[in-house]
């Protein structure tokens, strides 16, 4: 009786590319997503302030022509921050890096139009729209990431906090939520359970927040 030939085993690539579905891959993803989200809010705040302040000041000074160079400088600064965000997205999304549709200034363009080119490009307006939209989005994603990390660390470490630190003669429980038991020992157990729940859901929550923020960038910066 003949037997069917044995086919070589193949490994199905991870749908997310560089992070394999292994414990090491999961840790790399959590680290990458955490770094992206936690640094995202300060960068988004900087971009929002630069854009709003530069645009408002430049528009107010147009009557004395000083505002025009300021508007151009604001556009260039917004473009630089957009390029930084493209690099950040490439670090957490397994896809080709986004490229802004800026394009070169056509040959023979006059000096004035060449100087104003950063203001006239469609991609510049998309960069500005991204900077405005990213700020409120990053506030939410940063807050969720910080809350999930803090709860996971405070909760899962409750046994350590209770052993090493004492408060009012009882164990110190950093995770104090409504409905927690009054008994100190029960509070430690409850805090540990809550912390473990947050720790187990941490990768999915971070990935969701990262996807929300990167999808915004991919829609406007590419």
N, C-alpha and C. Protein backbone atom coordinates (compact mmCIF):
# COMPACT_ATOMS: atom_id res chain seq x y z
N UNK A 1 0.86 -1.20 0.00
CA UNK A 1 0.00 0.00 0.00
C UNK A 1 0.89 1.24 0.00
N UNK A 2 0.62 2.10 -0.93
CA UNK A 2 1.45 3.30 -1.04
C UNK A 2 0.99 4.35 -0.05
N UNK A 3 1.91 5.12 0.32
CA UNK A 3 1.60 6.21 1.27
C UNK A 3 1.80 7.54 0.57
N UNK A 4 1.02 8.50 0.96
CA UNK A 4 1.12 9.83 0.35
C UNK A 4 2.44 10.47 0.75
N UNK A 5 3.08 11.15 -0.17
CA UNK A 5 4.34 11.80 0.16
C UNK A 5 4.15 12.85 1.24
N UNK A 6 5.13 12.93 2.09
CA UNK A 6 5.10 13.91 3.18
C UNK A 6 5.56 15.26 2.67
N UNK A 7 4.70 16.23 2.78
CA UNK A 7 5.03 17.58 2.31
C UNK A 7 5.79 18.32 3.39
N UNK A 8 6.73 19.15 3.01
CA UNK A 8 7.46 19.93 4.01
C UNK A 8 6.54 20.89 4.72
N UNK A 9 6.76 21.02 6.00
CA UNK A 9 5.96 21.93 6.80
C UNK A 9 6.35 23.37 6.48
N UNK A 10 5.36 24.18 6.38
CA UNK A 10 5.60 25.59 6.11
C UNK A 10 5.08 26.41 7.27
N UNK A 11 5.69 27.51 7.48
CA UNK A 11 5.28 28.41 8.55
C UNK A 11 4.48 29.56 7.97
N UNK A 12 3.28 29.72 8.44
CA UNK A 12 2.45 30.82 7.97
C UNK A 12 2.95 32.11 8.58
N UNK A 13 3.29 33.08 7.75
CA UNK A 13 3.80 34.32 8.30
C UNK A 13 2.77 35.05 9.13
N UNK A 14 3.24 35.74 10.10
CA UNK A 14 2.35 36.51 10.96
C UNK A 14 1.65 37.58 10.15
N UNK A 15 0.32 37.76 10.33
CA UNK A 15 -0.39 38.80 9.58
C UNK A 15 0.15 40.18 9.87
N UNK A 16 0.86 40.35 10.96
CA UNK A 16 1.42 41.64 11.29
C UNK A 16 2.90 41.71 10.94
N UNK A 17 3.41 40.75 10.18
CA UNK A 17 4.75 40.87 9.65
C UNK A 17 5.84 40.54 10.64
N UNK A 18 6.51 41.59 11.10
CA UNK A 18 7.76 41.38 11.83
C UNK A 18 7.59 40.75 13.21
N UNK A 19 6.39 40.81 13.80
CA UNK A 19 6.22 40.26 15.14
C UNK A 19 5.59 38.88 15.04
N UNK A 20 6.38 37.86 15.24
CA UNK A 20 5.89 36.50 15.19
C UNK A 20 5.00 36.22 16.40
N UNK A 21 4.03 35.29 16.26
CA UNK A 21 3.13 34.97 17.39
C UNK A 21 3.82 34.10 18.42
N UNK A 22 4.84 34.62 19.03
CA UNK A 22 5.60 33.94 20.07
C UNK A 22 5.70 34.87 21.27
N UNK A 23 6.05 34.33 22.44
CA UNK A 23 6.21 35.23 23.60
C UNK A 23 7.20 36.35 23.35
N UNK A 24 8.31 36.05 22.67
CA UNK A 24 9.28 37.10 22.38
C UNK A 24 8.70 38.14 21.43
N UNK A 25 7.96 37.66 20.42
CA UNK A 25 7.32 38.60 19.49
C UNK A 25 6.28 39.46 20.17
N UNK A 26 5.54 38.85 21.10
CA UNK A 26 4.53 39.62 21.84
C UNK A 26 5.18 40.70 22.69
N UNK A 27 6.29 40.37 23.34
CA UNK A 27 6.99 41.36 24.15
C UNK A 27 7.53 42.49 23.29
N UNK A 28 8.05 42.14 22.11
CA UNK A 28 8.55 43.20 21.21
C UNK A 28 7.43 44.12 20.78
N UNK A 29 6.28 43.52 20.49
CA UNK A 29 5.15 44.33 20.06
C UNK A 29 4.67 45.25 21.18
N UNK A 30 4.55 44.71 22.39
CA UNK A 30 4.12 45.53 23.52
C UNK A 30 5.10 46.67 23.74
N UNK A 31 6.40 46.39 23.64
CA UNK A 31 7.39 47.45 23.81
C UNK A 31 7.30 48.50 22.72
N UNK A 32 7.14 48.06 21.46
CA UNK A 32 7.05 49.01 20.35
C UNK A 32 5.79 49.85 20.45
N UNK A 33 4.65 49.21 20.75
CA UNK A 33 3.40 49.96 20.86
C UNK A 33 3.45 50.93 22.04
N UNK A 34 4.03 50.49 23.15
CA UNK A 34 4.12 51.37 24.32
C UNK A 34 4.98 52.59 24.01
N UNK A 35 6.13 52.36 23.38
CA UNK A 35 7.00 53.49 23.03
C UNK A 35 6.30 54.44 22.06
N UNK A 36 5.58 53.89 21.10
CA UNK A 36 4.87 54.74 20.13
C UNK A 36 3.79 55.59 20.80
N UNK A 37 3.02 54.98 21.67
CA UNK A 37 1.91 55.70 22.29
C UNK A 37 2.38 56.69 23.35
N UNK A 38 3.34 56.28 24.17
CA UNK A 38 3.76 57.15 25.27
C UNK A 38 4.55 58.36 24.79
N UNK A 39 5.25 58.24 23.67
CA UNK A 39 5.95 59.40 23.09
C UNK A 39 5.06 60.18 22.13
N UNK A 40 3.92 59.60 21.78
CA UNK A 40 3.05 60.25 20.81
C UNK A 40 2.42 61.53 21.31
N UNK A 41 1.99 61.53 22.57
CA UNK A 41 1.33 62.74 23.07
C UNK A 41 2.25 63.95 23.12
N UNK A 42 3.49 63.85 23.66
CA UNK A 42 4.36 65.02 23.64
C UNK A 42 4.64 65.53 22.23
N UNK A 43 4.83 64.63 21.28
CA UNK A 43 5.08 65.05 19.90
C UNK A 43 3.83 65.68 19.28
N UNK A 44 2.66 65.10 19.57
CA UNK A 44 1.42 65.68 19.05
C UNK A 44 1.17 67.06 19.64
N UNK A 45 1.46 67.21 20.92
CA UNK A 45 1.31 68.52 21.55
C UNK A 45 2.24 69.54 20.92
N UNK A 46 3.48 69.15 20.67
CA UNK A 46 4.43 70.06 20.04
C UNK A 46 3.97 70.45 18.65
N UNK A 47 3.49 69.47 17.88
CA UNK A 47 3.01 69.78 16.53
C UNK A 47 1.80 70.69 16.54
N UNK A 48 0.89 70.46 17.47
CA UNK A 48 -0.31 71.29 17.57
C UNK A 48 0.06 72.72 17.93
N UNK A 49 0.94 72.88 18.91
CA UNK A 49 1.34 74.23 19.34
C UNK A 49 2.08 74.96 18.22
N UNK A 50 3.00 74.27 17.55
CA UNK A 50 3.75 74.90 16.46
C UNK A 50 2.80 75.35 15.36
N UNK A 51 1.88 74.48 14.97
CA UNK A 51 0.97 74.81 13.88
C UNK A 51 0.04 75.96 14.24
N UNK A 52 -0.64 75.85 15.37
CA UNK A 52 -1.63 76.87 15.74
C UNK A 52 -0.95 78.20 16.03
N UNK A 53 0.14 78.18 16.78
CA UNK A 53 0.82 79.43 17.11
C UNK A 53 1.42 80.06 15.86
N UNK A 54 2.10 79.27 15.06
CA UNK A 54 2.72 79.80 13.85
C UNK A 54 1.72 80.33 12.86
N UNK A 55 0.62 79.58 12.64
CA UNK A 55 -0.39 80.02 11.68
C UNK A 55 -1.10 81.28 12.15
N UNK A 56 -1.45 81.33 13.44
CA UNK A 56 -2.16 82.50 13.95
C UNK A 56 -1.26 83.74 13.93
N UNK A 57 -0.01 83.58 14.36
CA UNK A 57 0.90 84.73 14.38
C UNK A 57 1.23 85.17 12.96
N UNK A 58 1.49 84.20 12.08
CA UNK A 58 1.81 84.55 10.70
C UNK A 58 0.66 85.25 10.00
N UNK A 59 -0.56 84.76 10.20
CA UNK A 59 -1.71 85.40 9.57
C UNK A 59 -1.92 86.82 10.10
N UNK A 60 -1.65 87.02 11.39
CA UNK A 60 -1.83 88.35 11.97
C UNK A 60 -0.79 89.35 11.50
N UNK A 61 0.36 88.85 11.05
CA UNK A 61 1.44 89.73 10.62
C UNK A 61 1.56 89.83 9.10
N UNK A 62 0.57 89.32 8.37
CA UNK A 62 0.64 89.39 6.91
C UNK A 62 0.63 90.83 6.40
N UNK A 63 -0.01 91.71 7.14
CA UNK A 63 -0.14 93.10 6.67
C UNK A 63 1.22 93.79 6.62
N UNK A 64 2.18 93.32 7.39
CA UNK A 64 3.51 93.93 7.36
C UNK A 64 4.52 92.99 6.72
N UNK A 65 4.02 91.95 6.01
CA UNK A 65 4.85 91.01 5.25
C UNK A 65 5.75 90.11 6.11
N UNK A 66 5.79 90.37 7.38
CA UNK A 66 6.59 89.51 8.24
C UNK A 66 5.91 88.14 8.42
N UNK A 67 4.60 88.15 8.29
CA UNK A 67 3.85 86.92 8.51
C UNK A 67 4.09 85.87 7.45
N UNK A 68 4.43 86.29 6.23
CA UNK A 68 4.61 85.32 5.15
C UNK A 68 5.78 84.37 5.41
N UNK A 69 6.97 84.89 5.74
CA UNK A 69 8.05 83.95 6.10
C UNK A 69 7.72 83.08 7.30
N UNK A 70 6.97 83.63 8.24
CA UNK A 70 6.60 82.84 9.41
C UNK A 70 5.66 81.70 9.03
N UNK A 71 4.73 81.96 8.10
CA UNK A 71 3.85 80.90 7.63
C UNK A 71 4.61 79.81 6.90
N UNK A 72 5.59 80.23 6.10
CA UNK A 72 6.42 79.25 5.38
C UNK A 72 7.21 78.41 6.39
N UNK A 73 7.78 79.07 7.39
CA UNK A 73 8.53 78.34 8.41
C UNK A 73 7.63 77.37 9.17
N UNK A 74 6.39 77.79 9.44
CA UNK A 74 5.44 76.90 10.11
C UNK A 74 5.13 75.68 9.25
N UNK A 75 4.96 75.90 7.95
CA UNK A 75 4.69 74.79 7.03
C UNK A 75 5.86 73.81 7.00
N UNK A 76 7.08 74.33 6.99
CA UNK A 76 8.26 73.46 6.98
C UNK A 76 8.40 72.70 8.29
N UNK A 77 8.09 73.36 9.41
CA UNK A 77 8.15 72.67 10.70
C UNK A 77 7.09 71.58 10.78
N UNK A 78 5.90 71.86 10.27
CA UNK A 78 4.83 70.85 10.26
C UNK A 78 5.22 69.67 9.38
N UNK A 79 5.89 69.97 8.26
CA UNK A 79 6.36 68.89 7.39
C UNK A 79 7.40 68.03 8.10
N UNK A 80 8.30 68.65 8.83
CA UNK A 80 9.33 67.89 9.55
C UNK A 80 8.69 66.96 10.59
N UNK A 81 7.69 67.46 11.31
CA UNK A 81 7.01 66.61 12.29
C UNK A 81 6.21 65.50 11.60
N UNK A 82 5.68 65.80 10.42
CA UNK A 82 4.97 64.76 9.67
C UNK A 82 5.94 63.67 9.23
N UNK A 83 7.14 64.05 8.82
CA UNK A 83 8.15 63.05 8.44
C UNK A 83 8.53 62.19 9.64
N UNK A 84 8.63 62.81 10.80
CA UNK A 84 8.93 62.05 12.01
C UNK A 84 7.82 61.06 12.31
N UNK A 85 6.58 61.47 12.12
CA UNK A 85 5.45 60.56 12.38
C UNK A 85 5.45 59.42 11.36
N UNK A 86 5.83 59.69 10.13
CA UNK A 86 5.92 58.60 9.14
C UNK A 86 6.94 57.56 9.58
N UNK A 87 8.06 58.02 10.12
CA UNK A 87 9.08 57.09 10.61
C UNK A 87 8.56 56.31 11.81
N UNK A 88 7.82 56.97 12.69
CA UNK A 88 7.27 56.29 13.87
C UNK A 88 6.24 55.25 13.46
N UNK A 89 5.41 55.57 12.47
CA UNK A 89 4.42 54.61 11.99
C UNK A 89 5.10 53.38 11.39
N UNK A 90 6.17 53.62 10.64
CA UNK A 90 6.90 52.51 10.02
C UNK A 90 7.48 51.56 11.06
N UNK A 91 7.72 52.06 12.27
CA UNK A 91 8.30 51.22 13.32
C UNK A 91 7.28 50.28 13.96
N UNK A 92 5.98 50.54 13.76
CA UNK A 92 4.96 49.71 14.41
C UNK A 92 3.97 49.11 13.42
N UNK A 93 4.03 49.51 12.16
CA UNK A 93 3.12 48.97 11.15
C UNK A 93 3.95 48.26 10.08
N UNK A 94 3.72 46.98 9.86
CA UNK A 94 4.48 46.23 8.87
C UNK A 94 4.02 46.53 7.45
N UNK A 95 4.35 47.69 6.98
CA UNK A 95 3.98 48.13 5.64
C UNK A 95 5.06 49.09 5.15
N UNK A 96 5.13 49.31 3.85
CA UNK A 96 6.12 50.28 3.35
C UNK A 96 5.94 51.64 4.00
N UNK A 97 7.06 52.30 4.21
CA UNK A 97 7.00 53.61 4.86
C UNK A 97 6.24 54.60 3.99
N UNK A 98 5.41 55.41 4.64
CA UNK A 98 4.64 56.43 3.94
C UNK A 98 5.56 57.47 3.33
N UNK A 99 5.18 57.94 2.17
CA UNK A 99 5.95 58.98 1.48
C UNK A 99 5.00 60.13 1.16
N UNK A 100 5.34 61.31 1.62
CA UNK A 100 4.51 62.48 1.35
C UNK A 100 4.59 62.91 -0.10
N UNK A 101 3.45 63.33 -0.65
CA UNK A 101 3.39 63.76 -2.05
C UNK A 101 3.76 65.24 -2.16
N UNK A 102 5.00 65.55 -1.86
CA UNK A 102 5.44 66.94 -1.94
C UNK A 102 5.89 67.30 -3.36
N UNK A 103 6.75 66.50 -3.90
CA UNK A 103 7.21 66.73 -5.26
C UNK A 103 8.16 67.92 -5.35
N UNK A 104 8.99 67.91 -6.38
CA UNK A 104 9.94 69.02 -6.56
C UNK A 104 9.26 70.26 -7.10
N UNK A 105 9.89 71.39 -6.91
CA UNK A 105 9.40 72.64 -7.50
C UNK A 105 9.72 72.60 -8.99
N UNK A 106 8.73 72.83 -9.87
CA UNK A 106 8.99 72.76 -11.31
C UNK A 106 10.11 73.70 -11.74
N UNK A 107 10.85 73.24 -12.72
CA UNK A 107 11.92 74.09 -13.26
C UNK A 107 11.33 75.35 -13.88
N UNK A 108 12.03 76.43 -13.71
CA UNK A 108 11.57 77.71 -14.25
C UNK A 108 10.60 78.45 -13.37
N UNK A 109 10.31 77.90 -12.19
CA UNK A 109 9.40 78.58 -11.26
C UNK A 109 10.07 79.84 -10.73
N UNK A 110 9.29 80.90 -10.66
CA UNK A 110 9.82 82.17 -10.18
C UNK A 110 10.25 82.10 -8.73
N UNK A 111 11.04 83.08 -8.31
CA UNK A 111 11.59 83.08 -6.96
C UNK A 111 10.48 83.15 -5.91
N UNK A 112 9.47 83.97 -6.17
CA UNK A 112 8.39 84.12 -5.19
C UNK A 112 7.61 82.82 -5.03
N UNK A 113 7.23 82.19 -6.15
CA UNK A 113 6.48 80.94 -6.07
C UNK A 113 7.33 79.82 -5.49
N UNK A 114 8.62 79.86 -5.76
CA UNK A 114 9.51 78.86 -5.16
C UNK A 114 9.54 79.02 -3.64
N UNK A 115 9.56 80.29 -3.20
CA UNK A 115 9.58 80.55 -1.76
C UNK A 115 8.27 80.12 -1.11
N UNK A 116 7.16 80.29 -1.84
CA UNK A 116 5.85 79.97 -1.28
C UNK A 116 5.45 78.52 -1.51
N UNK A 117 6.31 77.74 -2.16
CA UNK A 117 5.95 76.36 -2.50
C UNK A 117 5.48 75.54 -1.30
N UNK A 118 6.12 75.65 -0.12
CA UNK A 118 5.63 74.86 1.01
C UNK A 118 4.19 75.15 1.40
N UNK A 119 3.72 76.37 1.12
CA UNK A 119 2.35 76.73 1.47
C UNK A 119 1.35 76.27 0.41
N UNK A 120 1.80 76.07 -0.81
CA UNK A 120 0.90 75.81 -1.92
C UNK A 120 0.67 74.32 -2.18
N UNK A 121 1.46 73.47 -1.57
CA UNK A 121 1.32 72.04 -1.83
C UNK A 121 0.11 71.46 -1.09
N UNK A 122 -0.57 70.52 -1.75
CA UNK A 122 -1.70 69.84 -1.14
C UNK A 122 -1.26 69.02 0.08
N UNK A 123 -0.07 68.42 0.01
CA UNK A 123 0.41 67.60 1.12
C UNK A 123 0.64 68.43 2.37
N UNK A 124 1.01 69.71 2.18
CA UNK A 124 1.20 70.58 3.34
C UNK A 124 -0.11 70.76 4.10
N UNK A 125 -1.21 70.91 3.35
CA UNK A 125 -2.51 71.04 4.01
C UNK A 125 -2.91 69.74 4.70
N UNK A 126 -2.56 68.62 4.11
CA UNK A 126 -2.85 67.33 4.75
C UNK A 126 -1.99 67.14 6.01
N UNK A 127 -0.74 67.60 5.96
CA UNK A 127 0.11 67.54 7.15
C UNK A 127 -0.48 68.39 8.28
N UNK A 128 -0.98 69.58 7.91
CA UNK A 128 -1.57 70.45 8.93
C UNK A 128 -2.84 69.84 9.51
N UNK A 129 -3.66 69.24 8.65
CA UNK A 129 -4.88 68.60 9.14
C UNK A 129 -4.53 67.43 10.07
N UNK A 130 -3.48 66.70 9.74
CA UNK A 130 -3.05 65.59 10.60
C UNK A 130 -2.59 66.11 11.96
N UNK A 131 -1.83 67.21 11.97
CA UNK A 131 -1.36 67.76 13.24
C UNK A 131 -2.53 68.20 14.12
N UNK A 132 -3.58 68.76 13.50
CA UNK A 132 -4.75 69.19 14.27
C UNK A 132 -5.54 67.99 14.80
N UNK A 133 -5.69 66.96 13.97
CA UNK A 133 -6.48 65.80 14.39
C UNK A 133 -5.72 64.89 15.34
N UNK A 134 -4.40 64.85 15.20
CA UNK A 134 -3.61 63.92 16.02
C UNK A 134 -3.63 64.30 17.49
N UNK A 135 -3.71 65.60 17.79
CA UNK A 135 -3.63 66.03 19.19
C UNK A 135 -4.74 65.42 20.04
N UNK A 136 -6.04 65.59 19.68
CA UNK A 136 -7.07 64.98 20.54
C UNK A 136 -7.01 63.45 20.53
N UNK A 137 -6.65 62.86 19.40
CA UNK A 137 -6.55 61.40 19.34
C UNK A 137 -5.45 60.90 20.28
N UNK A 138 -4.31 61.58 20.26
CA UNK A 138 -3.19 61.15 21.10
C UNK A 138 -3.48 61.35 22.58
N UNK A 139 -4.29 62.35 22.90
CA UNK A 139 -4.68 62.53 24.31
C UNK A 139 -5.40 61.27 24.81
N UNK A 140 -6.30 60.75 23.98
CA UNK A 140 -7.06 59.56 24.38
C UNK A 140 -6.17 58.33 24.41
N UNK A 141 -5.39 58.10 23.35
CA UNK A 141 -4.57 56.88 23.28
C UNK A 141 -3.48 56.89 24.35
N UNK A 142 -2.88 58.05 24.60
CA UNK A 142 -1.86 58.15 25.65
C UNK A 142 -2.47 57.88 27.02
N UNK A 143 -3.64 58.46 27.27
CA UNK A 143 -4.29 58.27 28.57
C UNK A 143 -4.66 56.81 28.80
N UNK A 144 -5.17 56.15 27.76
CA UNK A 144 -5.52 54.73 27.89
C UNK A 144 -4.27 53.89 28.16
N UNK A 145 -3.19 54.17 27.42
CA UNK A 145 -1.95 53.41 27.60
C UNK A 145 -1.40 53.58 29.02
N UNK A 146 -1.38 54.81 29.51
CA UNK A 146 -0.88 55.07 30.86
C UNK A 146 -1.77 54.41 31.90
N UNK A 147 -3.09 54.51 31.72
CA UNK A 147 -4.01 53.91 32.68
C UNK A 147 -3.86 52.39 32.72
N UNK A 148 -3.73 51.77 31.55
CA UNK A 148 -3.63 50.30 31.52
C UNK A 148 -2.31 49.83 32.12
N UNK A 149 -1.21 50.51 31.76
CA UNK A 149 0.08 50.14 32.33
C UNK A 149 0.09 50.34 33.85
N UNK A 150 -0.42 51.48 34.32
CA UNK A 150 -0.41 51.79 35.75
C UNK A 150 -1.24 50.78 36.54
N UNK A 151 -2.42 50.46 36.03
CA UNK A 151 -3.28 49.52 36.74
C UNK A 151 -2.67 48.12 36.76
N UNK A 152 -2.07 47.72 35.62
CA UNK A 152 -1.45 46.40 35.55
C UNK A 152 -0.29 46.28 36.53
N UNK A 153 0.56 47.32 36.58
CA UNK A 153 1.72 47.27 37.47
C UNK A 153 1.29 47.36 38.93
N UNK A 154 0.41 48.30 39.23
CA UNK A 154 -0.02 48.49 40.62
C UNK A 154 -0.78 47.27 41.13
N UNK A 155 -1.62 46.68 40.26
CA UNK A 155 -2.42 45.54 40.70
C UNK A 155 -1.61 44.27 40.87
N UNK A 156 -0.86 43.90 39.85
CA UNK A 156 -0.09 42.65 39.93
C UNK A 156 1.00 42.71 40.98
N UNK A 157 1.45 43.91 41.32
CA UNK A 157 2.47 44.05 42.35
C UNK A 157 1.93 44.27 43.74
N UNK A 158 0.62 44.06 43.91
CA UNK A 158 0.00 44.33 45.22
C UNK A 158 0.63 43.51 46.34
N UNK A 159 0.99 42.27 46.05
CA UNK A 159 1.60 41.43 47.08
C UNK A 159 2.92 42.03 47.55
N UNK A 160 3.70 42.54 46.61
CA UNK A 160 4.98 43.17 46.97
C UNK A 160 4.75 44.46 47.74
N UNK A 161 3.83 45.30 47.25
CA UNK A 161 3.58 46.55 47.96
C UNK A 161 3.10 46.26 49.39
N UNK A 162 2.23 45.26 49.53
CA UNK A 162 1.69 44.94 50.85
C UNK A 162 2.76 44.41 51.79
N UNK A 163 3.77 43.77 51.24
CA UNK A 163 4.83 43.20 52.09
C UNK A 163 5.87 44.24 52.47
N UNK A 164 6.18 45.12 51.53
CA UNK A 164 7.28 46.07 51.76
C UNK A 164 6.82 47.40 52.34
N UNK A 165 5.58 47.76 52.13
CA UNK A 165 5.11 49.07 52.57
C UNK A 165 3.87 48.88 53.44
N UNK A 166 3.81 49.66 54.49
CA UNK A 166 2.68 49.59 55.39
C UNK A 166 2.06 50.97 55.52
N UNK A 167 0.76 51.02 55.63
CA UNK A 167 0.06 52.29 55.80
C UNK A 167 -0.98 52.13 56.90
N UNK A 168 -0.90 52.95 57.93
CA UNK A 168 -1.84 52.92 59.06
C UNK A 168 -1.90 51.52 59.68
N UNK A 169 -0.75 50.87 59.79
CA UNK A 169 -0.72 49.57 60.42
C UNK A 169 -1.15 48.43 59.54
N UNK A 170 -1.58 48.70 58.31
CA UNK A 170 -2.01 47.64 57.39
C UNK A 170 -1.22 47.70 56.11
N UNK A 171 -1.44 46.74 55.23
CA UNK A 171 -0.71 46.72 53.96
C UNK A 171 -1.11 47.87 53.06
N UNK A 172 -0.15 48.38 52.33
CA UNK A 172 -0.41 49.46 51.38
C UNK A 172 -0.85 48.87 50.05
N UNK A 173 -2.05 49.21 49.61
CA UNK A 173 -2.57 48.75 48.33
C UNK A 173 -2.65 49.96 47.40
N UNK A 174 -1.80 49.97 46.37
CA UNK A 174 -1.76 51.11 45.48
C UNK A 174 -3.01 51.20 44.61
N UNK A 175 -3.60 50.06 44.31
CA UNK A 175 -4.79 50.03 43.46
C UNK A 175 -6.02 50.10 44.34
N UNK A 176 -6.62 51.27 44.46
CA UNK A 176 -7.77 51.48 45.32
C UNK A 176 -8.96 51.85 44.44
N UNK A 177 -9.82 50.89 44.18
CA UNK A 177 -10.96 51.09 43.30
C UNK A 177 -12.25 51.02 44.10
N UNK A 178 -13.33 51.64 43.58
CA UNK A 178 -14.63 51.55 44.26
C UNK A 178 -15.08 50.09 44.37
N UNK A 179 -15.64 49.75 45.50
CA UNK A 179 -16.12 48.40 45.70
C UNK A 179 -15.08 47.42 46.20
N UNK A 180 -13.87 47.91 46.49
CA UNK A 180 -12.83 47.01 47.00
C UNK A 180 -13.19 46.54 48.41
N UNK A 181 -12.84 45.30 48.79
CA UNK A 181 -13.17 44.80 50.13
C UNK A 181 -12.50 45.63 51.22
N UNK A 182 -13.11 45.63 52.39
CA UNK A 182 -12.55 46.38 53.51
C UNK A 182 -11.40 45.64 54.17
N UNK A 183 -11.45 44.31 54.14
CA UNK A 183 -10.38 43.52 54.76
C UNK A 183 -9.08 43.72 53.99
N UNK A 184 -7.97 44.04 54.68
CA UNK A 184 -6.71 44.30 53.98
C UNK A 184 -6.24 43.14 53.10
N UNK A 185 -6.35 41.91 53.61
CA UNK A 185 -5.92 40.77 52.82
C UNK A 185 -6.77 40.60 51.58
N UNK A 186 -8.08 40.76 51.74
CA UNK A 186 -8.97 40.63 50.59
C UNK A 186 -8.72 41.73 49.57
N UNK A 187 -8.36 42.92 50.05
CA UNK A 187 -8.06 44.03 49.14
C UNK A 187 -6.83 43.70 48.29
N UNK A 188 -5.84 43.07 48.89
CA UNK A 188 -4.64 42.68 48.14
C UNK A 188 -5.00 41.67 47.06
N UNK A 189 -5.83 40.69 47.42
CA UNK A 189 -6.23 39.67 46.44
C UNK A 189 -7.04 40.31 45.31
N UNK A 190 -7.99 41.17 45.66
CA UNK A 190 -8.82 41.81 44.64
C UNK A 190 -7.97 42.69 43.72
N UNK A 191 -7.04 43.43 44.30
CA UNK A 191 -6.18 44.28 43.48
C UNK A 191 -5.31 43.45 42.55
N UNK A 192 -4.84 42.30 43.03
CA UNK A 192 -4.02 41.43 42.19
C UNK A 192 -4.83 40.88 41.02
N UNK A 193 -6.07 40.48 41.28
CA UNK A 193 -6.92 39.95 40.21
C UNK A 193 -7.18 41.02 39.16
N UNK A 194 -7.50 42.23 39.60
CA UNK A 194 -7.73 43.33 38.66
C UNK A 194 -6.46 43.62 37.86
N UNK A 195 -5.34 43.65 38.54
CA UNK A 195 -4.08 43.91 37.85
C UNK A 195 -3.77 42.86 36.81
N UNK A 196 -4.02 41.58 37.13
CA UNK A 196 -3.78 40.51 36.16
C UNK A 196 -4.70 40.65 34.95
N UNK A 197 -5.95 41.06 35.19
CA UNK A 197 -6.87 41.25 34.07
C UNK A 197 -6.37 42.35 33.14
N UNK A 198 -5.88 43.43 33.71
CA UNK A 198 -5.34 44.52 32.89
C UNK A 198 -4.05 44.10 32.19
N UNK A 199 -3.24 43.29 32.87
CA UNK A 199 -1.99 42.84 32.27
C UNK A 199 -2.25 41.92 31.08
N UNK A 200 -3.21 41.03 31.22
CA UNK A 200 -3.52 40.09 30.14
C UNK A 200 -4.13 40.80 28.92
N UNK A 201 -4.87 41.87 29.16
CA UNK A 201 -5.49 42.60 28.05
C UNK A 201 -4.61 43.74 27.54
N UNK A 202 -3.46 43.95 28.19
CA UNK A 202 -2.59 45.06 27.81
C UNK A 202 -2.15 45.00 26.35
N UNK A 203 -1.66 43.85 25.83
CA UNK A 203 -1.23 43.83 24.42
C UNK A 203 -2.34 44.22 23.45
N UNK A 204 -3.55 43.71 23.66
CA UNK A 204 -4.66 44.02 22.75
C UNK A 204 -5.05 45.49 22.83
N UNK A 205 -5.07 46.03 24.04
CA UNK A 205 -5.44 47.44 24.20
C UNK A 205 -4.41 48.36 23.56
N UNK A 206 -3.14 48.07 23.79
CA UNK A 206 -2.08 48.88 23.17
C UNK A 206 -2.12 48.79 21.66
N UNK A 207 -2.36 47.58 21.13
CA UNK A 207 -2.43 47.40 19.68
C UNK A 207 -3.60 48.17 19.09
N UNK A 208 -4.74 48.17 19.78
CA UNK A 208 -5.91 48.90 19.30
C UNK A 208 -5.64 50.40 19.27
N UNK A 209 -5.06 50.92 20.34
CA UNK A 209 -4.74 52.36 20.38
C UNK A 209 -3.73 52.71 19.29
N UNK A 210 -2.75 51.84 19.09
CA UNK A 210 -1.75 52.10 18.05
C UNK A 210 -2.39 52.11 16.68
N UNK A 211 -3.30 51.17 16.42
CA UNK A 211 -3.97 51.11 15.13
C UNK A 211 -4.79 52.37 14.88
N UNK A 212 -5.49 52.84 15.90
CA UNK A 212 -6.29 54.06 15.74
C UNK A 212 -5.40 55.24 15.34
N UNK A 213 -4.29 55.38 16.03
CA UNK A 213 -3.41 56.52 15.77
C UNK A 213 -2.68 56.38 14.44
N UNK A 214 -2.22 55.19 14.12
CA UNK A 214 -1.49 55.01 12.86
C UNK A 214 -2.43 55.06 11.66
N UNK A 215 -3.67 54.62 11.82
CA UNK A 215 -4.62 54.71 10.71
C UNK A 215 -4.88 56.16 10.33
N UNK A 216 -4.92 57.03 11.32
CA UNK A 216 -5.06 58.46 11.05
C UNK A 216 -3.88 58.95 10.23
N UNK A 217 -2.65 58.57 10.63
CA UNK A 217 -1.48 58.99 9.90
C UNK A 217 -1.45 58.43 8.49
N UNK A 218 -1.83 57.16 8.32
CA UNK A 218 -1.81 56.55 7.00
C UNK A 218 -2.84 57.19 6.08
N UNK A 219 -3.92 57.71 6.65
CA UNK A 219 -4.96 58.35 5.83
C UNK A 219 -4.54 59.73 5.33
N UNK A 220 -3.71 60.44 6.11
CA UNK A 220 -3.40 61.83 5.78
C UNK A 220 -1.95 62.06 5.37
N UNK A 221 -1.05 61.20 5.77
CA UNK A 221 0.38 61.46 5.52
C UNK A 221 0.92 60.71 4.32
N UNK A 222 0.13 59.82 3.73
CA UNK A 222 0.60 59.03 2.60
C UNK A 222 0.15 59.59 1.27
